[in-house]
Structure formats: structure tokens, C-alpha cells
Amino acid sequence: MLYRKKPVVVEAFQYVGTNLHEILSIINGCKKNNRHAYVNSNNELIIKTLEGDHRANLNDFIIRGVHGEFYPCKPDIFAKTYEVVN
């Protein structure tokens, strides 16, 4: 059988290095999110996801999922999967 992914609108923002504090504030300030983000000893942005800890690299997109969870997504995959909603 074949299946089509349902269209879902997600909130996302790109990690560009200069917005680290904004990203931490958004993720850690979300009341629905029982996960959080932090910077480890190697100065890497780590996001606790439903599947465990994930490192977000520069230019990765941070997506808020349908259950309020956050996770990183590589820019090329993001571009193939999502488009801007007006």
C-alpha cells in the first residue's frame, strides 16, 4: 500500500548561531514541552526529544511538532519537506 503524509503546519526557526539564547528561551519556556534544550561542555546545542538527546548544528531548523515537542532538522530535509505558509 502507499500512504501520503498528511499536511501539517509546524512552527520552525533556524539556528544561525546568534539566536542561541532565543532558541533556549523558546524551548525551555514552553509549558506543553516536558523536554528542554541546553548547551553541553563542547558548546553544542542539545535538544532533549522524545527519542533522546539530539545535537542541533548551525543552520539546522528547530521544529515544534504536533505534540509541542521540539526537534532539529537538517536544512536540506527541511526544504524538501516544508514550504512557507502565508
PDB file of N, CA and C in Angstrom:
ATOM      1  N   MET A   1       0.838  -1.182   0.000  1.00  0.00           N
ATOM      2  CA  MET A   1       0.000   0.000   0.000  1.00  0.00           C
ATOM      3  C   MET A   1       0.877   1.238   0.000  1.00  0.00           C
ATOM      4  N   LEU A   2       0.332   2.314  -0.501  1.00  0.00           N
ATOM      5  CA  LEU A   2       1.016   3.595  -0.495  1.00  0.00           C
ATOM      6  C   LEU A   2       0.291   4.539   0.449  1.00  0.00           C
ATOM      7  N   TYR A   3       1.040   5.412   1.105  1.00  0.00           N
ATOM      8  CA  TYR A   3       0.464   6.378   2.022  1.00  0.00           C
ATOM      9  C   TYR A   3       1.012   7.762   1.709  1.00  0.00           C
ATOM     10  N   ARG A   4       0.181   8.771   1.901  1.00  0.00           N
ATOM     11  CA  ARG A   4       0.591  10.155   1.717  1.00  0.00           C
ATOM     12  C   ARG A   4       0.659  10.824   3.088  1.00  0.00           C
ATOM     13  N   LYS A   5       1.692  11.589   3.324  1.00  0.00           N
ATOM     14  CA  LYS A   5       1.833  12.313   4.582  1.00  0.00           C
ATOM     15  C   LYS A   5       0.780  13.414   4.637  1.00  0.00           C
ATOM     16  N   LYS A   6       0.031  13.479   5.741  1.00  0.00           N
ATOM     17  CA  LYS A   6      -0.992  14.500   5.909  1.00  0.00           C
ATOM     18  C   LYS A   6      -0.338  15.878   5.980  1.00  0.00           C
ATOM     19  N   PRO A   7      -0.982  16.875   5.394  1.00  0.00           N
ATOM     20  CA  PRO A   7      -0.408  18.230   5.507  1.00  0.00           C
ATOM     21  C   PRO A   7      -0.567  18.743   6.933  1.00  0.00           C
ATOM     22  N   VAL A   8       0.535  19.111   7.527  1.00  0.00           N
ATOM     23  CA  VAL A   8       0.549  19.618   8.892  1.00  0.00           C
ATOM     24  C   VAL A   8       1.360  20.903   8.905  1.00  0.00           C
ATOM     25  N   VAL A   9       0.826  21.942   9.511  1.00  0.00           N
ATOM     26  CA  VAL A   9       1.556  23.194   9.650  1.00  0.00           C
ATOM     27  C   VAL A   9       2.350  23.127  10.943  1.00  0.00           C
ATOM     28  N   VAL A  10       3.653  23.400  10.856  1.00  0.00           N
ATOM     29  CA  VAL A  10       4.510  23.372  12.038  1.00  0.00           C
ATOM     30  C   VAL A  10       5.184  24.729  12.220  1.00  0.00           C
ATOM     31  N   GLU A  11       5.526  25.020  13.450  1.00  0.00           N
ATOM     32  CA  GLU A  11       6.323  26.205  13.752  1.00  0.00           C
ATOM     33  C   GLU A  11       7.790  25.782  13.711  1.00  0.00           C
ATOM     34  N   ALA A  12       8.631  26.592  13.083  1.00  0.00           N
ATOM     35  CA  ALA A  12      10.052  26.260  12.993  1.00  0.00           C
ATOM     36  C   ALA A  12      10.869  27.545  12.956  1.00  0.00           C
ATOM     37  N   PHE A  13      12.100  27.430  13.394  1.00  0.00           N
ATOM     38  CA  PHE A  13      13.040  28.545  13.325  1.00  0.00           C
ATOM     39  C   PHE A  13      14.415  27.964  13.078  1.00  0.00           C
ATOM     40  N   GLN A  14      15.272  28.738  12.433  1.00  0.00           N
ATOM     41  CA  GLN A  14      16.589  28.241  12.060  1.00  0.00           C
ATOM     42  C   GLN A  14      17.631  28.678  13.078  1.00  0.00           C
ATOM     43  N   TYR A  15      18.486  27.749  13.472  1.00  0.00           N
ATOM     44  CA  TYR A  15      19.588  28.020  14.399  1.00  0.00           C
ATOM     45  C   TYR A  15      20.744  28.581  13.588  1.00  0.00           C
ATOM     46  N   VAL A  16      21.020  29.871  13.777  1.00  0.00           N
ATOM     47  CA  VAL A  16      22.072  30.534  13.000  1.00  0.00           C
ATOM     48  C   VAL A  16      23.269  30.936  13.851  1.00  0.00           C
ATOM     49  N   GLY A  17      23.281  30.527  15.105  1.00  0.00           N
ATOM     50  CA  GLY A  17      24.410  30.817  15.985  1.00  0.00           C
ATOM     51  C   GLY A  17      24.175  32.037  16.851  1.00  0.00           C
ATOM     52  N   THR A  18      23.686  33.112  16.243  1.00  0.00           N
ATOM     53  CA  THR A  18      23.449  34.338  17.007  1.00  0.00           C
ATOM     54  C   THR A  18      22.132  34.298  17.775  1.00  0.00           C
ATOM     55  N   ASN A  19      21.297  33.302  17.527  1.00  0.00           N
ATOM     56  CA  ASN A  19      19.993  33.215  18.189  1.00  0.00           C
ATOM     57  C   ASN A  19      19.912  32.079  19.215  1.00  0.00           C
ATOM     58  N   LEU A  20      21.052  31.666  19.744  1.00  0.00           N
ATOM     59  CA  LEU A  20      21.086  30.570  20.717  1.00  0.00           C
ATOM     60  C   LEU A  20      20.219  30.864  21.929  1.00  0.00           C
ATOM     61  N   HIS A  21      20.339  32.052  22.500  1.00  0.00           N
ATOM     62  CA  HIS A  21      19.565  32.371  23.709  1.00  0.00           C
ATOM     63  C   HIS A  21      18.066  32.407  23.411  1.00  0.00           C
ATOM     64  N   GLU A  22      17.696  32.871  22.227  1.00  0.00           N
ATOM     65  CA  GLU A  22      16.292  32.890  21.831  1.00  0.00           C
ATOM     66  C   GLU A  22      15.746  31.466  21.724  1.00  0.00           C
ATOM     67  N   ILE A  23      16.520  30.577  21.119  1.00  0.00           N
ATOM     68  CA  ILE A  23      16.096  29.178  20.981  1.00  0.00           C
ATOM     69  C   ILE A  23      15.940  28.523  22.349  1.00  0.00           C
ATOM     70  N   LEU A  24      16.912  28.709  23.215  1.00  0.00           N
ATOM     71  CA  LEU A  24      16.821  28.136  24.560  1.00  0.00           C
ATOM     72  C   LEU A  24      15.598  28.671  25.295  1.00  0.00           C
ATOM     73  N   SER A  25      15.331  29.961  25.140  1.00  0.00           N
ATOM     74  CA  SER A  25      14.182  30.577  25.795  1.00  0.00           C
ATOM     75  C   SER A  25      12.872  30.007  25.277  1.00  0.00           C
ATOM     76  N   ILE A  26      12.763  29.833  23.969  1.00  0.00           N
ATOM     77  CA  ILE A  26      11.531  29.287  23.380  1.00  0.00           C
ATOM     78  C   ILE A  26      11.297  27.855  23.844  1.00  0.00           C
ATOM     79  N   ILE A  27      12.317  27.021  23.721  1.00  0.00           N
ATOM     80  CA  ILE A  27      12.150  25.604  24.064  1.00  0.00           C
ATOM     81  C   ILE A  27      11.936  25.422  25.557  1.00  0.00           C
ATOM     82  N   ASN A  28      12.769  26.058  26.362  1.00  0.00           N
ATOM     83  CA  ASN A  28      12.680  25.858  27.808  1.00  0.00           C
ATOM     84  C   ASN A  28      11.496  26.583  28.439  1.00  0.00           C
ATOM     85  N   GLY A  29      10.919  27.551  27.731  1.00  0.00           N
ATOM     86  CA  GLY A  29       9.780  28.294  28.256  1.00  0.00           C
ATOM     87  C   GLY A  29       8.439  27.723  27.848  1.00  0.00           C
ATOM     88  N   CYS A  30       8.433  26.695  27.028  1.00  0.00           N
ATOM     89  CA  CYS A  30       7.183  26.114  26.550  1.00  0.00           C
ATOM     90  C   CYS A  30       6.562  25.238  27.623  1.00  0.00           C
ATOM     91  N   LYS A  31       5.376  25.599  28.071  1.00  0.00           N
ATOM     92  CA  LYS A  31       4.713  24.869  29.155  1.00  0.00           C
ATOM     93  C   LYS A  31       4.295  23.454  28.743  1.00  0.00           C
ATOM     94  N   LYS A  32       3.938  23.265  27.449  1.00  0.00           N
ATOM     95  CA  LYS A  32       3.497  21.949  26.992  1.00  0.00           C
ATOM     96  C   LYS A  32       4.662  20.996  26.783  1.00  0.00           C
ATOM     97  N   ASN A  33       5.856  21.522  26.776  1.00  0.00           N
ATOM     98  CA  ASN A  33       7.037  20.726  26.444  1.00  0.00           C
ATOM     99  C   ASN A  33       7.696  20.233  27.720  1.00  0.00           C
ATOM    100  N   ASN A  34       7.738  18.927  27.915  1.00  0.00           N
ATOM    101  CA  ASN A  34       8.411  18.400  29.103  1.00  0.00           C
ATOM    102  C   ASN A  34       9.879  18.092  28.804  1.00  0.00           C
ATOM    103  N   ARG A  35      10.336  18.443  27.634  1.00  0.00           N
ATOM    104  CA  ARG A  35      11.741  18.306  27.252  1.00  0.00           C
ATOM    105  C   ARG A  35      12.390  19.670  27.387  1.00  0.00           C
ATOM    106  N   HIS A  36      13.681  19.747  27.202  1.00  0.00           N
ATOM    107  CA  HIS A  36      14.338  21.039  27.230  1.00  0.00           C
ATOM    108  C   HIS A  36      15.596  21.016  26.376  1.00  0.00           C
ATOM    109  N   ALA A  37      16.213  22.162  26.257  1.00  0.00           N
ATOM    110  CA  ALA A  37      17.442  22.292  25.485  1.00  0.00           C
ATOM    111  C   ALA A  37      18.511  22.882  26.390  1.00  0.00           C
ATOM    112  N   TYR A  38      19.763  22.579  26.056  1.00  0.00           N
ATOM    113  CA  TYR A  38      20.872  23.110  26.831  1.00  0.00           C
ATOM    114  C   TYR A  38      22.121  23.115  25.959  1.00  0.00           C
ATOM    115  N   VAL A  39      23.149  23.788  26.443  1.00  0.00           N
ATOM    116  CA  VAL A  39      24.447  23.804  25.769  1.00  0.00           C
ATOM    117  C   VAL A  39      25.372  22.907  26.587  1.00  0.00           C
ATOM    118  N   ASN A  40      25.987  21.918  25.927  1.00  0.00           N
ATOM    119  CA  ASN A  40      26.855  20.988  26.654  1.00  0.00           C
ATOM    120  C   ASN A  40      28.272  21.553  26.814  1.00  0.00           C
ATOM    121  N   SER A  41      29.155  20.775  27.388  1.00  0.00           N
ATOM    122  CA  SER A  41      30.525  21.229  27.670  1.00  0.00           C
ATOM    123  C   SER A  41      31.331  21.503  26.405  1.00  0.00           C
ATOM    124  N   ASN A  42      30.886  20.972  25.260  1.00  0.00           N
ATOM    125  CA  ASN A  42      31.549  21.233  23.977  1.00  0.00           C
ATOM    126  C   ASN A  42      30.907  22.413  23.243  1.00  0.00           C
ATOM    127  N   ASN A  43      30.058  23.168  23.958  1.00  0.00           N
ATOM    128  CA  ASN A  43      29.367  24.329  23.403  1.00  0.00           C
ATOM    129  C   ASN A  43      28.438  23.950  22.246  1.00  0.00           C
ATOM    130  N   GLU A  44      27.812  22.765  22.337  1.00  0.00           N
ATOM    131  CA  GLU A  44      26.871  22.293  21.331  1.00  0.00           C
ATOM    132  C   GLU A  44      25.454  22.449  21.867  1.00  0.00           C
ATOM    133  N   LEU A  45      24.531  22.815  20.992  1.00  0.00           N
ATOM    134  CA  LEU A  45      23.124  22.912  21.368  1.00  0.00           C
ATOM    135  C   LEU A  45      22.522  21.512  21.357  1.00  0.00           C
ATOM    136  N   ILE A  46      22.024  21.074  22.507  1.00  0.00           N
ATOM    137  CA  ILE A  46      21.424  19.755  22.661  1.00  0.00           C
ATOM    138  C   ILE A  46      19.940  19.940  22.958  1.00  0.00           C
ATOM    139  N   ILE A  47      19.116  19.227  22.205  1.00  0.00           N
ATOM    140  CA  ILE A  47      17.674  19.266  22.420  1.00  0.00           C
ATOM    141  C   ILE A  47      17.220  17.891  22.865  1.00  0.00           C
ATOM    142  N   LYS A  48      16.580  17.849  24.019  1.00  0.00           N
ATOM    143  CA  LYS A  48      16.023  16.588  24.514  1.00  0.00           C
ATOM    144  C   LYS A  48      14.727  16.338  23.749  1.00  0.00           C
ATOM    145  N   THR A  49      14.669  15.229  23.012  1.00  0.00           N
ATOM    146  CA  THR A  49      13.499  14.901  22.206  1.00  0.00           C
ATOM    147  C   THR A  49      12.833  13.650  22.755  1.00  0.00           C
ATOM    148  N   LEU A  50      11.736  13.276  22.137  1.00  0.00           N
ATOM    149  CA  LEU A  50      11.041  12.056  22.544  1.00  0.00           C
ATOM    150  C   LEU A  50      11.899  10.822  22.306  1.00  0.00           C
ATOM    151  N   GLU A  51      12.854  10.919  21.375  1.00  0.00           N
ATOM    152  CA  GLU A  51      13.740   9.788  21.061  1.00  0.00           C
ATOM    153  C   GLU A  51      15.099   9.899  21.725  1.00  0.00           C
ATOM    154  N   GLY A  52      15.288  10.860  22.606  1.00  0.00           N
ATOM    155  CA  GLY A  52      16.573  11.054  23.270  1.00  0.00           C
ATOM    156  C   GLY A  52      17.179  12.394  22.898  1.00  0.00           C
ATOM    157  N   ASP A  53      18.422  12.593  23.296  1.00  0.00           N
ATOM    158  CA  ASP A  53      19.102  13.863  23.043  1.00  0.00           C
ATOM    159  C   ASP A  53      19.586  13.944  21.595  1.00  0.00           C
ATOM    160  N   HIS A  54      19.355  15.116  20.977  1.00  0.00           N
ATOM    161  CA  HIS A  54      19.815  15.357  19.608  1.00  0.00           C
ATOM    162  C   HIS A  54      20.594  16.660  19.561  1.00  0.00           C
ATOM    163  N   ARG A  55      21.713  16.647  18.837  1.00  0.00           N
ATOM    164  CA  ARG A  55      22.526  17.850  18.673  1.00  0.00           C
ATOM    165  C   ARG A  55      21.985  18.646  17.496  1.00  0.00           C
ATOM    166  N   ALA A  56      21.822  19.959  17.695  1.00  0.00           N
ATOM    167  CA  ALA A  56      21.423  20.849  16.613  1.00  0.00           C
ATOM    168  C   ALA A  56      22.675  21.583  16.139  1.00  0.00           C
ATOM    169  N   ASN A  57      22.972  21.463  14.870  1.00  0.00           N
ATOM    170  CA  ASN A  57      24.118  22.141  14.278  1.00  0.00           C
ATOM    171  C   ASN A  57      23.694  23.485  13.713  1.00  0.00           C
ATOM    172  N   LEU A  58      24.676  24.331  13.437  1.00  0.00           N
ATOM    173  CA  LEU A  58      24.384  25.608  12.806  1.00  0.00           C
ATOM    174  C   LEU A  58      23.591  25.381  11.535  1.00  0.00           C
ATOM    175  N   ASN A  59      22.613  26.223  11.305  1.00  0.00           N
ATOM    176  CA  ASN A  59      21.720  26.213  10.147  1.00  0.00           C
ATOM    177  C   ASN A  59      20.651  25.130  10.190  1.00  0.00           C
ATOM    178  N   ASP A  60      20.656  24.264  11.192  1.00  0.00           N
ATOM    179  CA  ASP A  60      19.553  23.320  11.351  1.00  0.00           C
ATOM    180  C   ASP A  60      18.291  24.094  11.702  1.00  0.00           C
ATOM    181  N   PHE A  61      17.154  23.551  11.309  1.00  0.00           N
ATOM    182  CA  PHE A  61      15.875  24.115  11.712  1.00  0.00           C
ATOM    183  C   PHE A  61      15.423  23.406  12.973  1.00  0.00           C
ATOM    184  N   ILE A  62      14.819  24.153  13.871  1.00  0.00           N
ATOM    185  CA  ILE A  62      14.244  23.589  15.084  1.00  0.00           C
ATOM    186  C   ILE A  62      12.732  23.622  14.873  1.00  0.00           C
ATOM    187  N   ILE A  63      12.107  22.452  14.917  1.00  0.00           N
ATOM    188  CA  ILE A  63      10.688  22.319  14.624  1.00  0.00           C
ATOM    189  C   ILE A  63       9.929  22.009  15.903  1.00  0.00           C
ATOM    190  N   ARG A  64       8.775  22.670  16.055  1.00  0.00           N
ATOM    191  CA  ARG A  64       7.861  22.303  17.136  1.00  0.00           C
ATOM    192  C   ARG A  64       6.864  21.326  16.527  1.00  0.00           C
ATOM    193  N   GLY A  65       6.852  20.099  17.027  1.00  0.00           N
ATOM    194  CA  GLY A  65       5.992  19.057  16.485  1.00  0.00           C
ATOM    195  C   GLY A  65       4.549  19.195  16.911  1.00  0.00           C
ATOM    196  N   VAL A  66       3.722  18.272  16.440  1.00  0.00           N
ATOM    197  CA  VAL A  66       2.286  18.337  16.677  1.00  0.00           C
ATOM    198  C   VAL A  66       1.902  18.132  18.144  1.00  0.00           C
ATOM    199  N   HIS A  67       2.804  17.595  18.944  1.00  0.00           N
ATOM    200  CA  HIS A  67       2.535  17.405  20.372  1.00  0.00           C
ATOM    201  C   HIS A  67       3.278  18.425  21.229  1.00  0.00           C
ATOM    202  N   GLY A  68       3.818  19.478  20.604  1.00  0.00           N
ATOM    203  CA  GLY A  68       4.539  20.513  21.341  1.00  0.00           C
ATOM    204  C   GLY A  68       5.995  20.193  21.563  1.00  0.00           C
ATOM    205  N   GLU A  69       6.457  19.061  21.056  1.00  0.00           N
ATOM    206  CA  GLU A  69       7.856  18.662  21.222  1.00  0.00           C
ATOM    207  C   GLU A  69       8.726  19.414  20.220  1.00  0.00           C
ATOM    208  N   PHE A  70      10.002  19.552  20.518  1.00  0.00           N
ATOM    209  CA  PHE A  70      10.950  20.212  19.634  1.00  0.00           C
ATOM    210  C   PHE A  70      11.985  19.207  19.151  1.00  0.00           C
ATOM    211  N   TYR A  71      12.433  19.386  17.922  1.00  0.00           N
ATOM    212  CA  TYR A  71      13.492  18.529  17.399  1.00  0.00           C
ATOM    213  C   TYR A  71      14.201  19.242  16.255  1.00  0.00           C
ATOM    214  N   PRO A  72      15.505  18.949  16.068  1.00  0.00           N
ATOM    215  CA  PRO A  72      16.246  19.577  14.975  1.00  0.00           C
ATOM    216  C   PRO A  72      16.019  18.852  13.654  1.00  0.00           C
ATOM    217  N   CYS A  73      16.187  19.598  12.565  1.00  0.00           N
ATOM    218  CA  CYS A  73      16.016  19.042  11.218  1.00  0.00           C
ATOM    219  C   CYS A  73      17.062  19.685  10.312  1.00  0.00           C
ATOM    220  N   LYS A  74      17.768  18.871   9.541  1.00  0.00           N
ATOM    221  CA  LYS A  74      18.788  19.376   8.616  1.00  0.00           C
ATOM    222  C   LYS A  74      18.141  20.266   7.554  1.00  0.00           C
ATOM    223  N   PRO A  75      18.824  21.340   7.132  1.00  0.00           N
ATOM    224  CA  PRO A  75      18.247  22.291   6.177  1.00  0.00           C
ATOM    225  C   PRO A  75      17.779  21.660   4.866  1.00  0.00           C
ATOM    226  N   ASP A  76      18.530  20.709   4.330  1.00  0.00           N
ATOM    227  CA  ASP A  76      18.129  20.099   3.051  1.00  0.00           C
ATOM    228  C   ASP A  76      16.847  19.278   3.192  1.00  0.00           C
ATOM    229  N   ILE A  77      16.710  18.571   4.299  1.00  0.00           N
ATOM    230  CA  ILE A  77      15.497  17.792   4.548  1.00  0.00           C
ATOM    231  C   ILE A  77      14.318  18.727   4.811  1.00  0.00           C
ATOM    232  N   PHE A  78      14.575  19.793   5.559  1.00  0.00           N
ATOM    233  CA  PHE A  78      13.527  20.772   5.838  1.00  0.00           C
ATOM    234  C   PHE A  78      12.989  21.356   4.531  1.00  0.00           C
ATOM    235  N   ALA A  79      13.890  21.735   3.624  1.00  0.00           N
ATOM    236  CA  ALA A  79      13.494  22.341   2.349  1.00  0.00           C
ATOM    237  C   ALA A  79      12.678  21.374   1.494  1.00  0.00           C
ATOM    238  N   LYS A  80      12.971  20.086   1.565  1.00  0.00           N
ATOM    239  CA  LYS A  80      12.236  19.087   0.784  1.00  0.00           C
ATOM    240  C   LYS A  80      10.888  18.737   1.401  1.00  0.00           C
ATOM    241  N   THR A  81      10.746  18.992   2.699  1.00  0.00           N
ATOM    242  CA  THR A  81       9.556  18.553   3.425  1.00  0.00           C
ATOM    243  C   THR A  81       8.564  19.673   3.690  1.00  0.00           C
ATOM    244  N   TYR A  82       9.053  20.898   3.860  1.00  0.00           N
ATOM    245  CA  TYR A  82       8.190  22.003   4.276  1.00  0.00           C
ATOM    246  C   TYR A  82       8.264  23.164   3.304  1.00  0.00           C
ATOM    247  N   GLU A  83       7.181  23.940   3.250  1.00  0.00           N
ATOM    248  CA  GLU A  83       7.150  25.182   2.498  1.00  0.00           C
ATOM    249  C   GLU A  83       6.517  26.255   3.372  1.00  0.00           C
ATOM    250  N   VAL A  84       6.813  27.513   3.090  1.00  0.00           N
ATOM    251  CA  VAL A  84       6.300  28.620   3.874  1.00  0.00           C
ATOM    252  C   VAL A  84       4.792  28.718   3.701  1.00  0.00           C
ATOM    253  N   VAL A  85       4.085  28.950   4.810  1.00  0.00           N
ATOM    254  CA  VAL A  85       2.639  29.166   4.782  1.00  0.00           C
ATOM    255  C   VAL A  85       2.396  30.652   4.960  1.00  0.00           C
ATOM    256  N   ASN A  86       1.602  31.221   4.085  1.00  0.00           N
ATOM    257  CA  ASN A  86       1.287  32.661   4.192  1.00  0.00           C
ATOM    258  C   ASN A  86       0.053  32.885   5.043  1.00  0.00           C
TER     259      ASN A  86
END
